[in-house]
Amino acid sequence: MLRNGKIKGLIFDCYKTLIDIKTDEGSRETNEKVSKWLLYQGVRIEPDRLREEYKWKVIGRLGNSGQKYPDIRIEEIFAEICAENAFREIDSFWLGIETAKV
């Protein structure tokens, strides 16, 4: 949108051609909020551990894809993290999808 000669917003897709949304997955605050939300869902994981597990699972997916620009299903990564850290019965598939939205 152009307002007063200044661009107010741009949207790029996930390959930086249509949508460009900056999320700092490595920020302590982001991981604290996700960790706290997960606790209410039946998953106990400290923010620092969440950040590290997420990072290493993403790196693993990237390295094993054999593609130059692989698609990574973050909901699958979160589902694995949730299943590995659940303290009660959960639906890790559903929770992975919901966590990806947080």
Protein backbone atom coordinates (compact mmCIF):
# COMPACT_ATOMS: atom_id res chain seq x y z
CA MET A 1 0.00 0.00 0.00
CA LEU A 2 1.31 3.42 -0.90
CA ARG A 3 0.42 6.21 1.50
CA ASN A 4 1.82 9.74 1.27
CA GLY A 5 4.49 8.49 -1.11
CA LYS A 6 5.69 5.88 1.40
CA ILE A 7 5.24 2.14 1.19
CA LYS A 8 3.31 0.92 4.23
CA GLY A 9 3.58 -2.82 3.63
CA LEU A 10 4.81 -5.52 1.32
CA ILE A 11 3.92 -9.19 1.22
CA PHE A 12 6.15 -11.92 -0.22
CA ASP A 13 5.78 -15.71 -0.32
CA CYS A 14 7.88 -18.04 1.79
CA TYR A 15 10.59 -18.00 -0.90
CA LYS A 16 10.81 -14.21 -0.49
CA THR A 17 8.98 -13.53 -3.72
CA LEU A 18 5.60 -12.53 -2.28
CA ILE A 19 5.66 -12.69 1.54
CA ASP A 20 8.49 -11.60 3.82
CA ILE A 21 7.60 -12.15 7.46
CA LYS A 22 10.39 -11.99 9.99
CA THR A 23 10.08 -14.33 12.96
CA ASP A 24 12.94 -14.75 15.35
CA GLU A 25 12.68 -18.45 16.21
CA GLY A 26 15.87 -18.10 18.22
CA SER A 27 14.57 -15.41 20.55
CA ARG A 28 14.21 -16.33 24.20
CA GLU A 29 10.85 -14.55 24.40
CA THR A 30 9.38 -16.52 21.48
CA ASN A 31 10.50 -19.83 22.96
CA GLU A 32 9.28 -18.88 26.45
CA LYS A 33 5.80 -18.20 25.11
CA VAL A 34 5.68 -21.40 23.07
CA SER A 35 7.05 -23.41 26.00
CA LYS A 36 4.42 -21.98 28.34
CA TRP A 37 1.64 -22.64 25.81
CA LEU A 38 2.86 -26.22 25.35
CA LEU A 39 2.76 -26.80 29.11
CA TYR A 40 -1.00 -26.17 29.03
CA GLN A 41 -1.23 -28.69 26.18
CA GLY A 42 0.55 -31.48 28.08
CA VAL A 43 4.13 -30.94 26.92
CA ARG A 44 6.89 -29.93 29.31
CA ILE A 45 9.97 -28.48 27.61
CA GLU A 46 12.19 -25.61 28.71
CA PRO A 47 12.52 -22.67 26.28
CA ASP A 48 16.24 -23.24 25.66
CA ARG A 49 15.72 -26.93 24.99
CA LEU A 50 12.79 -26.15 22.69
CA ARG A 51 14.99 -23.78 20.69
CA GLU A 52 17.81 -26.34 20.42
CA GLU A 53 15.58 -29.29 19.51
CA TYR A 54 13.75 -27.24 16.91
CA LYS A 55 17.03 -25.96 15.43
CA TRP A 56 18.63 -29.41 15.16
CA LYS A 57 15.51 -31.02 13.72
CA VAL A 58 15.32 -28.29 11.05
CA ILE A 59 19.02 -28.71 10.24
CA GLY A 60 18.50 -32.46 9.97
CA ARG A 61 15.56 -32.06 7.60
CA LEU A 62 17.50 -29.61 5.44
CA GLY A 63 20.54 -31.86 5.27
CA ASN A 64 18.59 -35.01 4.48
CA SER A 65 16.35 -33.54 1.80
CA GLY A 66 18.78 -33.67 -1.11
CA GLN A 67 17.09 -30.55 -2.48
CA LYS A 68 18.55 -27.11 -3.00
CA TYR A 69 15.50 -25.37 -1.48
CA PRO A 70 13.62 -28.02 0.51
CA ASP A 71 10.19 -27.55 1.99
CA ILE A 72 10.20 -28.21 5.71
CA ARG A 73 6.99 -29.18 7.45
CA ILE A 74 7.44 -27.41 10.76
CA GLU A 75 4.24 -28.94 12.07
CA GLU A 76 5.94 -32.35 11.77
CA ILE A 77 8.96 -31.04 13.67
CA PHE A 78 6.73 -29.67 16.43
CA ALA A 79 4.76 -32.95 16.50
CA GLU A 80 8.01 -34.85 17.15
CA ILE A 81 9.07 -32.43 19.87
CA CYS A 82 5.64 -32.68 21.50
CA ALA A 83 5.61 -36.49 21.38
CA GLU A 84 9.10 -36.66 22.89
CA ASN A 85 8.27 -34.27 25.74
CA ALA A 86 4.64 -35.05 26.59
CA PHE A 87 3.87 -35.66 30.27
CA ARG A 88 0.36 -36.91 29.56
CA GLU A 89 -1.52 -38.35 26.61
CA ILE A 90 -1.62 -35.91 23.69
CA ASP A 91 -2.47 -35.93 20.00
CA SER A 92 1.00 -35.01 18.76
CA PHE A 93 -0.17 -34.70 15.14
CA TRP A 94 -2.80 -32.08 16.02
CA LEU A 95 -0.56 -30.40 18.57
CA GLY A 96 2.25 -30.10 16.01
CA ILE A 97 -0.12 -28.25 13.68
CA GLU A 98 -1.38 -25.96 16.44
CA THR A 99 2.13 -25.23 17.74
CA ALA A 100 3.21 -24.17 14.26
CA LYS A 101 0.51 -21.48 14.46
CA VAL A 102 1.58 -20.08 17.84
